[in-house]
Each structure stands twice: as C-alpha cells, then as structure tokens.
PDB file of N, CA and C in Angstrom:
ATOM      1  N   UNK A   1       2.824   4.659  12.556  1.00  0.00           N
ATOM      2  CA  UNK A   1       2.540   3.475  13.775  1.00  0.00           C
ATOM      3  C   UNK A   1       1.594   2.506  13.002  1.00  0.00           C
ATOM      4  N   UNK A   2       0.616   2.880  12.386  1.00  0.00           N
ATOM      5  CA  UNK A   2      -0.457   2.002  11.949  1.00  0.00           C
ATOM      6  C   UNK A   2      -0.589   1.934  10.198  1.00  0.00           C
ATOM      7  N   UNK A   3       0.122   2.813   9.548  1.00  0.00           N
ATOM      8  CA  UNK A   3       0.043   2.681   8.169  1.00  0.00           C
ATOM      9  C   UNK A   3       0.853   1.727   7.705  1.00  0.00           C
ATOM     10  N   UNK A   4       0.216   1.178   6.505  1.00  0.00           N
ATOM     11  CA  UNK A   4       0.855   0.150   5.761  1.00  0.00           C
ATOM     12  C   UNK A   4       1.806   0.528   4.757  1.00  0.00           C
ATOM     13  N   UNK A   5       2.811   1.477   5.194  1.00  0.00           N
ATOM     14  CA  UNK A   5       3.867   2.120   4.285  1.00  0.00           C
ATOM     15  C   UNK A   5       5.182   1.631   5.090  1.00  0.00           C
ATOM     16  N   UNK A   6       6.108   1.037   4.273  1.00  0.00           N
ATOM     17  CA  UNK A   6       7.391   0.690   4.700  1.00  0.00           C
ATOM     18  C   UNK A   6       8.189   1.927   4.646  1.00  0.00           C
ATOM     19  N   UNK A   7       8.911   2.121   5.907  1.00  0.00           N
ATOM     20  CA  UNK A   7       9.905   3.263   6.078  1.00  0.00           C
ATOM     21  C   UNK A   7      10.589   2.548   7.271  1.00  0.00           C
ATOM     22  N   UNK A   8      11.736   3.162   7.570  1.00  0.00           N
ATOM     23  CA  UNK A   8      12.589   3.167   8.833  1.00  0.00           C
ATOM     24  C   UNK A   8      12.011   3.847   9.917  1.00  0.00           C
ATOM     25  N   UNK A   9      11.641   3.333  11.101  1.00  0.00           N
ATOM     26  CA  UNK A   9      11.099   3.786  12.310  1.00  0.00           C
ATOM     27  C   UNK A   9      11.809   3.001  13.545  1.00  0.00           C
ATOM     28  N   UNK A  10      12.114   4.062  14.689  1.00  0.00           N
ATOM     29  CA  UNK A  10      12.578   3.294  15.949  1.00  0.00           C
ATOM     30  C   UNK A  10      11.243   3.329  16.815  1.00  0.00           C
ATOM     31  N   UNK A  11      10.232   3.641  16.318  1.00  0.00           N
ATOM     32  CA  UNK A  11       8.826   3.723  16.952  1.00  0.00           C
ATOM     33  C   UNK A  11       8.181   2.448  16.573  1.00  0.00           C
ATOM     34  N   UNK A  12       7.321   1.682  17.400  1.00  0.00           N
ATOM     35  CA  UNK A  12       6.537   0.587  17.066  1.00  0.00           C
ATOM     36  C   UNK A  12       5.242   0.710  17.854  1.00  0.00           C
ATOM     37  N   UNK A  13       4.202  -0.101  17.835  1.00  0.00           N
ATOM     38  CA  UNK A  13       3.075  -0.383  18.499  1.00  0.00           C
ATOM     39  C   UNK A  13       3.543  -0.726  20.003  1.00  0.00           C
ATOM     40  N   UNK A  14       4.433  -1.280  20.027  1.00  0.00           N
ATOM     41  CA  UNK A  14       5.010  -1.904  21.360  1.00  0.00           C
ATOM     42  C   UNK A  14       5.109  -0.569  22.157  1.00  0.00           C
ATOM     43  N   UNK A  15       5.329   0.616  21.718  1.00  0.00           N
ATOM     44  CA  UNK A  15       5.496   1.891  22.647  1.00  0.00           C
ATOM     45  C   UNK A  15       4.463   2.592  23.084  1.00  0.00           C
ATOM     46  N   UNK A  16       3.226   1.829  22.733  1.00  0.00           N
ATOM     47  CA  UNK A  16       2.011   2.620  23.026  1.00  0.00           C
ATOM     48  C   UNK A  16       1.113   1.748  24.023  1.00  0.00           C
ATOM     49  N   UNK A  17       0.652   2.178  24.974  1.00  0.00           N
ATOM     50  CA  UNK A  17      -0.168   1.526  25.874  1.00  0.00           C
ATOM     51  C   UNK A  17      -1.345   0.650  25.196  1.00  0.00           C
ATOM     52  N   UNK A  18      -1.598  -0.313  25.781  1.00  0.00           N
ATOM     53  CA  UNK A  18      -2.629  -1.299  25.226  1.00  0.00           C
ATOM     54  C   UNK A  18      -3.951  -0.503  25.395  1.00  0.00           C
ATOM     55  N   UNK A  19      -4.727  -0.746  24.203  1.00  0.00           N
ATOM     56  CA  UNK A  19      -6.210  -0.085  24.319  1.00  0.00           C
ATOM     57  C   UNK A  19      -6.702   0.290  22.837  1.00  0.00           C
ATOM     58  N   UNK A  20      -7.687   0.896  22.905  1.00  0.00           N
ATOM     59  CA  UNK A  20      -8.395   1.359  21.596  1.00  0.00           C
ATOM     60  C   UNK A  20      -7.989   2.737  21.259  1.00  0.00           C
ATOM     61  N   UNK A  21      -7.830   2.913  20.099  1.00  0.00           N
ATOM     62  CA  UNK A  21      -7.345   4.418  19.654  1.00  0.00           C
ATOM     63  C   UNK A  21      -8.262   4.770  18.411  1.00  0.00           C
ATOM     64  N   UNK A  22      -8.802   5.930  18.845  1.00  0.00           N
ATOM     65  CA  UNK A  22      -9.509   6.721  17.928  1.00  0.00           C
ATOM     66  C   UNK A  22      -8.641   7.193  16.742  1.00  0.00           C
ATOM     67  N   UNK A  23      -8.973   7.035  15.415  1.00  0.00           N
ATOM     68  CA  UNK A  23      -7.854   7.358  14.571  1.00  0.00           C
ATOM     69  C   UNK A  23      -8.721   8.658  13.565  1.00  0.00           C
ATOM     70  N   UNK A  24      -7.935   9.572  13.247  1.00  0.00           N
ATOM     71  CA  UNK A  24      -8.479  10.578  12.237  1.00  0.00           C
ATOM     72  C   UNK A  24      -7.324  11.044  11.371  1.00  0.00           C
ATOM     73  N   UNK A  25      -7.563  11.319  10.180  1.00  0.00           N
ATOM     74  CA  UNK A  25      -6.574  11.695   9.168  1.00  0.00           C
ATOM     75  C   UNK A  25      -7.040  13.380   8.882  1.00  0.00           C
ATOM     76  N   UNK A  26      -5.964  13.964   8.871  1.00  0.00           N
ATOM     77  CA  UNK A  26      -6.292  15.439   8.649  1.00  0.00           C
ATOM     78  C   UNK A  26      -5.370  15.767   7.208  1.00  0.00           C
ATOM     79  N   UNK A  27      -5.941  16.147   5.907  1.00  0.00           N
ATOM     80  CA  UNK A  27      -5.393  16.633   5.158  1.00  0.00           C
ATOM     81  C   UNK A  27      -4.914  17.970   4.619  1.00  0.00           C
ATOM     82  N   UNK A  28      -3.794  18.399   4.274  1.00  0.00           N
ATOM     83  CA  UNK A  28      -3.138  19.550   4.288  1.00  0.00           C
ATOM     84  C   UNK A  28      -2.647  19.691   2.829  1.00  0.00           C
ATOM     85  N   UNK A  29      -2.801  20.994   2.474  1.00  0.00           N
ATOM     86  CA  UNK A  29      -2.198  21.243   0.956  1.00  0.00           C
ATOM     87  C   UNK A  29      -1.124  22.293   1.094  1.00  0.00           C
ATOM     88  N   UNK A  30      -0.019  22.297   0.122  1.00  0.00           N
ATOM     89  CA  UNK A  30       1.055  22.934   0.244  1.00  0.00           C
ATOM     90  C   UNK A  30       0.388  24.394  -0.688  1.00  0.00           C
ATOM     91  N   UNK A  31       1.405  25.263  -0.397  1.00  0.00           N
ATOM     92  CA  UNK A  31       1.267  26.736  -1.053  1.00  0.00           C
ATOM     93  C   UNK A  31       0.700  26.623  -2.608  1.00  0.00           C
ATOM     94  N   UNK A  32       1.771  25.675  -3.150  1.00  0.00           N
ATOM     95  CA  UNK A  32       1.263  25.618  -4.574  1.00  0.00           C
ATOM     96  C   UNK A  32       0.221  24.864  -5.134  1.00  0.00           C
ATOM     97  N   UNK A  33      -0.127  24.263  -4.013  1.00  0.00           N
ATOM     98  CA  UNK A  33      -1.330  23.317  -4.070  1.00  0.00           C
ATOM     99  C   UNK A  33      -1.071  21.783  -4.822  1.00  0.00           C
ATOM    100  N   UNK A  34       0.444  21.501  -4.944  1.00  0.00           N
ATOM    101  CA  UNK A  34       0.725  20.382  -5.424  1.00  0.00           C
ATOM    102  C   UNK A  34       1.007  19.420  -4.505  1.00  0.00           C
ATOM    103  N   UNK A  35       1.771  19.914  -3.426  1.00  0.00           N
ATOM    104  CA  UNK A  35       2.329  19.152  -2.179  1.00  0.00           C
ATOM    105  C   UNK A  35       1.036  18.847  -1.271  1.00  0.00           C
ATOM    106  N   UNK A  36       1.021  17.824  -0.667  1.00  0.00           N
ATOM    107  CA  UNK A  36       0.111  17.419   0.304  1.00  0.00           C
ATOM    108  C   UNK A  36       0.779  16.571   1.675  1.00  0.00           C
ATOM    109  N   UNK A  37       0.166  16.770   2.602  1.00  0.00           N
ATOM    110  CA  UNK A  37       0.507  16.100   4.068  1.00  0.00           C
ATOM    111  C   UNK A  37      -0.818  15.454   4.432  1.00  0.00           C
ATOM    112  N   UNK A  38      -0.543  14.285   5.033  1.00  0.00           N
ATOM    113  CA  UNK A  38      -1.607  13.494   5.387  1.00  0.00           C
ATOM    114  C   UNK A  38      -1.171  13.206   6.796  1.00  0.00           C
ATOM    115  N   UNK A  39      -1.776  13.811   7.826  1.00  0.00           N
ATOM    116  CA  UNK A  39      -1.734  13.578   9.115  1.00  0.00           C
ATOM    117  C   UNK A  39      -2.488  12.861   9.660  1.00  0.00           C
ATOM    118  N   UNK A  40      -2.143  11.503  10.389  1.00  0.00           N
ATOM    119  CA  UNK A  40      -2.909  10.420  10.832  1.00  0.00           C
ATOM    120  C   UNK A  40      -2.694  10.618  12.429  1.00  0.00           C
ATOM    121  N   UNK A  41      -3.647  11.027  13.242  1.00  0.00           N
ATOM    122  CA  UNK A  41      -3.682  11.103  14.770  1.00  0.00           C
ATOM    123  C   UNK A  41      -4.407   9.933  15.391  1.00  0.00           C
ATOM    124  N   UNK A  42      -3.851   9.316  16.311  1.00  0.00           N
ATOM    125  CA  UNK A  42      -4.144   8.308  17.047  1.00  0.00           C
ATOM    126  C   UNK A  42      -4.406   8.625  18.564  1.00  0.00           C
ATOM    127  N   UNK A  43      -5.719   8.531  19.177  1.00  0.00           N
ATOM    128  CA  UNK A  43      -5.927   8.847  20.446  1.00  0.00           C
ATOM    129  C   UNK A  43      -6.340   7.925  21.260  1.00  0.00           C
ATOM    130  N   UNK A  44      -5.723   7.534  22.550  1.00  0.00           N
ATOM    131  CA  UNK A  44      -6.012   6.463  23.345  1.00  0.00           C
ATOM    132  C   UNK A  44      -7.531   6.826  23.890  1.00  0.00           C
ATOM    133  N   UNK A  45      -8.542   5.852  23.745  1.00  0.00           N
ATOM    134  CA  UNK A  45      -9.814   6.065  24.489  1.00  0.00           C
ATOM    135  C   UNK A  45      -9.827   5.538  25.820  1.00  0.00           C
ATOM    136  N   UNK A  46     -10.546   5.772  26.671  1.00  0.00           N
ATOM    137  CA  UNK A  46     -11.831   6.887  26.683  1.00  0.00           C
ATOM    138  C   UNK A  46     -11.043   8.281  26.857  1.00  0.00           C
ATOM    139  N   UNK A  47      -9.765   8.390  27.264  1.00  0.00           N
ATOM    140  CA  UNK A  47      -9.192   9.728  27.680  1.00  0.00           C
ATOM    141  C   UNK A  47      -9.084  10.730  26.525  1.00  0.00           C
ATOM    142  N   UNK A  48      -9.024  10.099  25.261  1.00  0.00           N
ATOM    143  CA  UNK A  48      -9.039  10.771  24.038  1.00  0.00           C
ATOM    144  C   UNK A  48      -7.535  11.805  24.045  1.00  0.00           C
ATOM    145  N   UNK A  49      -6.543  10.965  24.665  1.00  0.00           N
ATOM    146  CA  UNK A  49      -5.106  11.346  24.924  1.00  0.00           C
ATOM    147  C   UNK A  49      -4.294  11.215  23.369  1.00  0.00           C
ATOM    148  N   UNK A  50      -3.805  12.010  22.810  1.00  0.00           N
ATOM    149  CA  UNK A  50      -2.972  11.908  21.602  1.00  0.00           C
ATOM    150  C   UNK A  50      -1.658  11.251  21.957  1.00  0.00           C
ATOM    151  N   UNK A  51      -1.536   9.882  21.433  1.00  0.00           N
ATOM    152  CA  UNK A  51      -0.384   9.260  21.863  1.00  0.00           C
ATOM    153  C   UNK A  51       0.421   9.026  20.623  1.00  0.00           C
ATOM    154  N   UNK A  52       0.026   9.141  19.471  1.00  0.00           N
ATOM    155  CA  UNK A  52       0.880   8.666  18.437  1.00  0.00           C
ATOM    156  C   UNK A  52       0.286   9.466  17.079  1.00  0.00           C
ATOM    157  N   UNK A  53       1.135   9.592  16.204  1.00  0.00           N
ATOM    158  CA  UNK A  53       0.714  10.514  14.806  1.00  0.00           C
ATOM    159  C   UNK A  53       1.703   9.444  13.580  1.00  0.00           C
ATOM    160  N   UNK A  54       1.091   9.419  12.680  1.00  0.00           N
ATOM    161  CA  UNK A  54       1.877   9.077  11.287  1.00  0.00           C
ATOM    162  C   UNK A  54       1.715  10.194  10.271  1.00  0.00           C
ATOM    163  N   UNK A  55       2.885  10.822   9.725  1.00  0.00           N
ATOM    164  CA  UNK A  55       2.948  11.833   8.648  1.00  0.00           C
ATOM    165  C   UNK A  55       3.240  11.295   7.364  1.00  0.00           C
ATOM    166  N   UNK A  56       2.425  11.510   6.341  1.00  0.00           N
ATOM    167  CA  UNK A  56       2.734  11.104   5.028  1.00  0.00           C
ATOM    168  C   UNK A  56       2.857  12.671   4.094  1.00  0.00           C
ATOM    169  N   UNK A  57       4.131  12.763   3.636  1.00  0.00           N
ATOM    170  CA  UNK A  57       4.430  13.924   2.713  1.00  0.00           C
ATOM    171  C   UNK A  57       4.518  13.362   1.401  1.00  0.00           C
ATOM    172  N   UNK A  58       3.669  14.000   0.545  1.00  0.00           N
ATOM    173  CA  UNK A  58       3.674  13.899  -0.893  1.00  0.00           C
ATOM    174  C   UNK A  58       4.091  15.035  -1.541  1.00  0.00           C
ATOM    175  N   UNK A  59       5.228  15.107  -2.190  1.00  0.00           N
ATOM    176  CA  UNK A  59       5.814  16.180  -2.848  1.00  0.00           C
ATOM    177  C   UNK A  59       5.328  16.449  -4.230  1.00  0.00           C
ATOM    178  N   UNK A  60       5.486  17.512  -4.978  1.00  0.00           N
ATOM    179  CA  UNK A  60       4.666  17.873  -6.092  1.00  0.00           C
ATOM    180  C   UNK A  60       5.154  17.010  -7.234  1.00  0.00           C
ATOM    181  N   UNK A  61       6.377  16.116  -7.383  1.00  0.00           N
ATOM    182  CA  UNK A  61       6.729  15.295  -8.117  1.00  0.00           C
ATOM    183  C   UNK A  61       5.853  13.675  -7.886  1.00  0.00           C
ATOM    184  N   UNK A  62       5.471  13.862  -6.594  1.00  0.00           N
ATOM    185  CA  UNK A  62       4.789  12.484  -6.664  1.00  0.00           C
ATOM    186  C   UNK A  62       5.442  11.570  -5.451  1.00  0.00           C
ATOM    187  N   UNK A  63       6.749  11.822  -5.136  1.00  0.00           N
ATOM    188  CA  UNK A  63       7.586  11.033  -4.282  1.00  0.00           C
ATOM    189  C   UNK A  63       6.944  11.376  -2.822  1.00  0.00           C
ATOM    190  N   UNK A  64       7.186  10.476  -2.073  1.00  0.00           N
ATOM    191  CA  UNK A  64       6.539  10.541  -0.864  1.00  0.00           C
ATOM    192  C   UNK A  64       7.654  10.212   0.486  1.00  0.00           C
ATOM    193  N   UNK A  65       7.357  10.777   1.360  1.00  0.00           N
ATOM    194  CA  UNK A  65       8.194  10.685   2.652  1.00  0.00           C
ATOM    195  C   UNK A  65       7.190  10.367   3.963  1.00  0.00           C
ATOM    196  N   UNK A  66       7.703   9.536   4.875  1.00  0.00           N
ATOM    197  CA  UNK A  66       7.000   9.096   5.970  1.00  0.00           C
ATOM    198  C   UNK A  66       7.811   9.429   7.173  1.00  0.00           C
ATOM    199  N   UNK A  67       7.100   9.767   8.174  1.00  0.00           N
ATOM    200  CA  UNK A  67       7.753   9.829   9.429  1.00  0.00           C
ATOM    201  C   UNK A  67       6.493   9.474  10.624  1.00  0.00           C
ATOM    202  N   UNK A  68       6.928   9.071  11.646  1.00  0.00           N
ATOM    203  CA  UNK A  68       5.738   8.906  12.711  1.00  0.00           C
ATOM    204  C   UNK A  68       6.396   9.328  14.078  1.00  0.00           C
ATOM    205  N   UNK A  69       5.542   9.331  14.955  1.00  0.00           N
ATOM    206  CA  UNK A  69       5.532  10.135  16.194  1.00  0.00           C
ATOM    207  C   UNK A  69       5.121   9.386  17.346  1.00  0.00           C
ATOM    208  N   UNK A  70       5.359   9.149  18.413  1.00  0.00           N
ATOM    209  CA  UNK A  70       4.816   8.505  19.643  1.00  0.00           C
ATOM    210  C   UNK A  70       5.204   9.243  20.755  1.00  0.00           C
ATOM    211  N   UNK A  71       4.251   9.420  21.689  1.00  0.00           N
ATOM    212  CA  UNK A  71       4.240   9.959  23.109  1.00  0.00           C
ATOM    213  C   UNK A  71       4.894   8.910  24.049  1.00  0.00           C
ATOM    214  N   UNK A  72       6.211   9.094  24.471  1.00  0.00           N
ATOM    215  CA  UNK A  72       7.188   8.006  25.396  1.00  0.00           C
ATOM    216  C   UNK A  72       6.699   8.231  26.890  1.00  0.00           C
ATOM    217  N   UNK A  73       6.817   6.924  27.418  1.00  0.00           N
ATOM    218  CA  UNK A  73       6.405   6.929  28.883  1.00  0.00           C
ATOM    219  C   UNK A  73       6.828   8.194  29.685  1.00  0.00           C
ATOM    220  N   UNK A  74       7.864   8.840  29.162  1.00  0.00           N
ATOM    221  CA  UNK A  74       8.456  10.134  30.084  1.00  0.00           C
ATOM    222  C   UNK A  74       7.633  11.265  29.548  1.00  0.00           C
ATOM    223  N   UNK A  75       6.650  10.992  28.688  1.00  0.00           N
ATOM    224  CA  UNK A  75       5.961  12.307  28.220  1.00  0.00           C
ATOM    225  C   UNK A  75       6.625  13.150  27.272  1.00  0.00           C
ATOM    226  N   UNK A  76       7.740  12.616  26.550  1.00  0.00           N
ATOM    227  CA  UNK A  76       8.396  13.521  25.582  1.00  0.00           C
ATOM    228  C   UNK A  76       7.941  12.632  24.387  1.00  0.00           C
ATOM    229  N   UNK A  77       7.992  13.614  23.162  1.00  0.00           N
ATOM    230  CA  UNK A  77       7.488  13.233  21.809  1.00  0.00           C
ATOM    231  C   UNK A  77       8.798  12.669  21.223  1.00  0.00           C
ATOM    232  N   UNK A  78       8.857  11.420  20.446  1.00  0.00           N
ATOM    233  CA  UNK A  78       9.926  10.787  19.546  1.00  0.00           C
ATOM    234  C   UNK A  78       9.534  10.648  18.169  1.00  0.00           C
ATOM    235  N   UNK A  79      10.372  11.072  17.342  1.00  0.00           N
ATOM    236  CA  UNK A  79      10.004  10.973  15.864  1.00  0.00           C
ATOM    237  C   UNK A  79      10.762   9.563  15.577  1.00  0.00           C
ATOM    238  N   UNK A  80      10.552   8.929  14.218  1.00  0.00           N
ATOM    239  CA  UNK A  80      10.838   7.772  13.643  1.00  0.00           C
ATOM    240  C   UNK A  80      12.357   7.626  13.804  1.00  0.00           C
ATOM    241  N   UNK A  81      13.165   8.828  13.624  1.00  0.00           N
ATOM    242  CA  UNK A  81      14.745   8.946  13.776  1.00  0.00           C
ATOM    243  C   UNK A  81      15.122   8.676  15.098  1.00  0.00           C
ATOM    244  N   UNK A  82      14.324   8.880  16.135  1.00  0.00           N
ATOM    245  CA  UNK A  82      14.730   8.967  17.392  1.00  0.00           C
ATOM    246  C   UNK A  82      15.008  10.235  18.276  1.00  0.00           C
ATOM    247  N   UNK A  83      14.557  11.404  17.211  1.00  0.00           N
ATOM    248  CA  UNK A  83      14.718  12.718  18.065  1.00  0.00           C
ATOM    249  C   UNK A  83      13.753  12.752  18.995  1.00  0.00           C
ATOM    250  N   UNK A  84      13.878  13.575  20.113  1.00  0.00           N
ATOM    251  CA  UNK A  84      12.814  13.767  21.083  1.00  0.00           C
ATOM    252  C   UNK A  84      12.595  15.326  21.271  1.00  0.00           C
ATOM    253  N   UNK A  85      11.518  15.733  21.685  1.00  0.00           N
ATOM    254  CA  UNK A  85      11.279  16.971  22.340  1.00  0.00           C
ATOM    255  C   UNK A  85       9.925  16.782  23.089  1.00  0.00           C
ATOM    256  N   UNK A  86       9.972  17.935  23.884  1.00  0.00           N
ATOM    257  CA  UNK A  86       8.938  17.965  25.020  1.00  0.00           C
ATOM    258  C   UNK A  86       7.481  18.390  24.064  1.00  0.00           C
ATOM    259  N   UNK A  87       7.219  18.787  22.941  1.00  0.00           N
ATOM    260  CA  UNK A  87       6.109  18.791  22.214  1.00  0.00           C
ATOM    261  C   UNK A  87       6.179  18.452  20.784  1.00  0.00           C
ATOM    262  N   UNK A  88       5.015  18.143  20.209  1.00  0.00           N
ATOM    263  CA  UNK A  88       4.960  17.372  18.943  1.00  0.00           C
ATOM    264  C   UNK A  88       5.260  18.122  17.942  1.00  0.00           C
ATOM    265  N   UNK A  89       4.923  19.656  17.823  1.00  0.00           N
ATOM    266  CA  UNK A  89       5.148  20.525  16.799  1.00  0.00           C
ATOM    267  C   UNK A  89       6.752  20.703  16.609  1.00  0.00           C
ATOM    268  N   UNK A  90       7.329  20.599  17.629  1.00  0.00           N
ATOM    269  CA  UNK A  90       8.896  20.790  17.352  1.00  0.00           C
ATOM    270  C   UNK A  90       9.608  19.627  16.515  1.00  0.00           C
ATOM    271  N   UNK A  91       9.035  18.431  16.279  1.00  0.00           N
ATOM    272  CA  UNK A  91       9.259  17.665  15.363  1.00  0.00           C
ATOM    273  C   UNK A  91       8.637  17.328  14.177  1.00  0.00           C
ATOM    274  N   UNK A  92       7.667  18.174  13.893  1.00  0.00           N
ATOM    275  CA  UNK A  92       6.980  18.147  12.484  1.00  0.00           C
ATOM    276  C   UNK A  92       8.007  19.058  11.566  1.00  0.00           C
ATOM    277  N   UNK A  93       8.163  18.426  10.442  1.00  0.00           N
ATOM    278  CA  UNK A  93       9.038  19.315   9.567  1.00  0.00           C
ATOM    279  C   UNK A  93       8.437  20.585   9.362  1.00  0.00           C
ATOM    280  N   UNK A  94       9.430  21.587   9.486  1.00  0.00           N
ATOM    281  CA  UNK A  94       8.929  23.042   9.310  1.00  0.00           C
ATOM    282  C   UNK A  94       8.221  23.291   7.889  1.00  0.00           C
ATOM    283  N   UNK A  95       8.713  22.590   6.708  1.00  0.00           N
ATOM    284  CA  UNK A  95       8.117  23.042   5.639  1.00  0.00           C
ATOM    285  C   UNK A  95       6.476  22.863   5.506  1.00  0.00           C
ATOM    286  N   UNK A  96       5.906  22.213   6.480  1.00  0.00           N
ATOM    287  CA  UNK A  96       4.243  22.115   6.344  1.00  0.00           C
ATOM    288  C   UNK A  96       3.725  23.230   6.998  1.00  0.00           C
ATOM    289  N   UNK A  97       4.502  23.892   7.733  1.00  0.00           N
ATOM    290  CA  UNK A  97       3.948  25.164   8.378  1.00  0.00           C
ATOM    291  C   UNK A  97       3.023  26.053   7.532  1.00  0.00           C
ATOM    292  N   UNK A  98       3.481  26.038   6.295  1.00  0.00           N
ATOM    293  CA  UNK A  98       2.765  26.845   5.129  1.00  0.00           C
ATOM    294  C   UNK A  98       1.646  26.139   4.565  1.00  0.00           C
ATOM    295  N   UNK A  99       1.230  24.939   4.916  1.00  0.00           N
ATOM    296  CA  UNK A  99       0.189  24.249   4.406  1.00  0.00           C
ATOM    297  C   UNK A  99      -1.033  24.771   4.893  1.00  0.00           C
ATOM    298  N   UNK A 100      -1.995  24.439   4.087  1.00  0.00           N
ATOM    299  CA  UNK A 100      -3.343  24.978   4.571  1.00  0.00           C
ATOM    300  C   UNK A 100      -4.274  23.502   4.911  1.00  0.00           C
ATOM    301  N   UNK A 101      -5.136  23.590   5.870  1.00  0.00           N
ATOM    302  CA  UNK A 101      -5.937  22.452   6.148  1.00  0.00           C
ATOM    303  C   UNK A 101      -7.143  22.380   5.210  1.00  0.00           C
ATOM    304  N   UNK A 102      -7.176  21.237   4.686  1.00  0.00           N
ATOM    305  CA  UNK A 102      -8.416  21.039   3.789  1.00  0.00           C
ATOM    306  C   UNK A 102      -9.595  20.322   4.302  1.00  0.00           C
ATOM    307  N   UNK A 103      -9.393  19.073   4.904  1.00  0.00           N
ATOM    308  CA  UNK A 103     -10.357  18.523   5.459  1.00  0.00           C
ATOM    309  C   UNK A 103      -9.963  17.391   6.395  1.00  0.00           C
ATOM    310  N   UNK A 104     -10.963  16.997   7.265  1.00  0.00           N
ATOM    311  CA  UNK A 104     -10.741  15.666   8.147  1.00  0.00           C
ATOM    312  C   UNK A 104     -11.483  14.590   8.195  1.00  0.00           C
ATOM    313  N   UNK A 105     -10.980  13.424   8.162  1.00  0.00           N
ATOM    314  CA  UNK A 105     -11.651  12.383   8.008  1.00  0.00           C
ATOM    315  C   UNK A 105     -11.511  11.316   9.259  1.00  0.00           C
ATOM    316  N   UNK A 106     -12.610  10.958   9.785  1.00  0.00           N
ATOM    317  CA  UNK A 106     -12.504   9.899  10.930  1.00  0.00           C
ATOM    318  C   UNK A 106     -12.442   8.558  10.219  1.00  0.00           C
ATOM    319  N   UNK A 107     -11.524   7.764  10.965  1.00  0.00           N
ATOM    320  CA  UNK A 107     -10.792   6.402  10.383  1.00  0.00           C
ATOM    321  C   UNK A 107     -11.541   5.422  11.420  1.00  0.00           C
ATOM    322  N   UNK A 108     -11.433   3.802  10.987  1.00  0.00           N
ATOM    323  CA  UNK A 108     -11.754   3.077  11.951  1.00  0.00           C
ATOM    324  C   UNK A 108     -10.813   3.158  13.158  1.00  0.00           C
ATOM    325  N   UNK A 109     -11.372   2.574  14.361  1.00  0.00           N
ATOM    326  CA  UNK A 109     -10.686   2.523  15.523  1.00  0.00           C
ATOM    327  C   UNK A 109      -9.405   1.424  15.300  1.00  0.00           C
ATOM    328  N   UNK A 110      -8.607   2.021  15.722  1.00  0.00           N
ATOM    329  CA  UNK A 110      -7.219   0.934  15.969  1.00  0.00           C
ATOM    330  C   UNK A 110      -6.931   0.244  17.429  1.00  0.00           C
ATOM    331  N   UNK A 111      -6.602  -0.815  17.374  1.00  0.00           N
ATOM    332  CA  UNK A 111      -6.615  -1.712  18.616  1.00  0.00           C
ATOM    333  C   UNK A 111      -4.957  -2.175  18.824  1.00  0.00           C
ATOM    334  N   UNK A 112      -4.485  -1.701  20.044  1.00  0.00           N
ATOM    335  CA  UNK A 112      -3.205  -2.218  20.432  1.00  0.00           C
ATOM    336  C   UNK A 112      -3.458  -3.113  21.690  1.00  0.00           C
ATOM    337  N   UNK A 113      -3.088  -4.440  21.494  1.00  0.00           N
ATOM    338  CA  UNK A 113      -3.289  -5.417  22.295  1.00  0.00           C
ATOM    339  C   UNK A 113      -2.290  -5.614  23.145  1.00  0.00           C
ATOM    340  N   UNK A 114      -2.426  -6.072  24.380  1.00  0.00           N
ATOM    341  CA  UNK A 114      -1.331  -6.341  25.431  1.00  0.00           C
ATOM    342  C   UNK A 114      -0.394  -7.367  24.779  1.00  0.00           C
ATOM    343  N   UNK A 115      -0.476  -7.964  23.951  1.00  0.00           N
ATOM    344  CA  UNK A 115       0.651  -8.982  23.191  1.00  0.00           C
ATOM    345  C   UNK A 115       1.769  -8.327  22.629  1.00  0.00           C
ATOM    346  N   UNK A 116       1.497  -7.095  22.330  1.00  0.00           N
ATOM    347  CA  UNK A 116       2.540  -6.241  21.918  1.00  0.00           C
ATOM    348  C   UNK A 116       3.647  -5.800  22.998  1.00  0.00           C
ATOM    349  N   UNK A 117       3.018  -5.858  24.282  1.00  0.00           N
ATOM    350  CA  UNK A 117       3.890  -5.514  25.360  1.00  0.00           C
ATOM    351  C   UNK A 117       4.427  -6.680  25.993  1.00  0.00           C
ATOM    352  N   UNK A 118       4.402  -7.887  25.473  1.00  0.00           N
ATOM    353  CA  UNK A 118       5.300  -9.107  25.977  1.00  0.00           C
ATOM    354  C   UNK A 118       4.428  -9.752  27.058  1.00  0.00           C
ATOM    355  N   UNK A 119       3.088  -9.405  27.201  1.00  0.00           N
ATOM    356  CA  UNK A 119       2.435  -9.954  28.399  1.00  0.00           C
ATOM    357  C   UNK A 119       1.725 -11.219  27.776  1.00  0.00           C
TER     358      UNK A 119
END
C-alpha cells in the first residue's frame, strides 16, 4: 500500500479510511537464514486497528516478490490479486510459516488524505 516498490495490485490507498496510520516493519528470516520477509503493518490511529499490510519476500537468490493486503469495508481481507478471506493469515503465503521473527522497527506515520476518496 505504501511501499515504493512497483508490482501489480488491485488494492490502493483509496481503499483505506482517511487518517493517520502507525507503521511498523517486522523482519522474519527463513529456515536456511537466506530468505527474508519484511511485513509492514499499517494501523489506523487512534484505534490502533490493523487496516493494511505490505509483504516483501526476498528469496535466497536475491529475487523479490511483493504482495499487499487491505481490510475491506465488509471486514474481509483482500490481497493484491483480489483473493478475499475472513482473516489475514489465510492470505499470507504458507512458505513463511517456518520463518522466525528477528526484529521490529517503528516507521514514520503514513497519512491517507480524504482526496484519495474523491472528496
């Protein structure tokens, strides 16, 4: 949603309610230690409600794959390909279930302005 990485996604900032989003990046490492996953979470303030995520997967050969996820108005999660599920974990690639958490980094607040909503 907010990464400066180009990839095809059906999701956009316009899918999010206007407001300030607390941003956190969590780093995970694969079993062999070479693969990495960066999970960026965006929480609408002041409720601290998770509304969107960006996922960047870095394979052992250095190739990257990206996906994003948004909580829709009907409270289903949708991934960048348009798949929907009642919970986020159902849409996260299974391969990272074996990754281990390494660290978390607080990031600058992201702002979604009303202009993204056609107002």
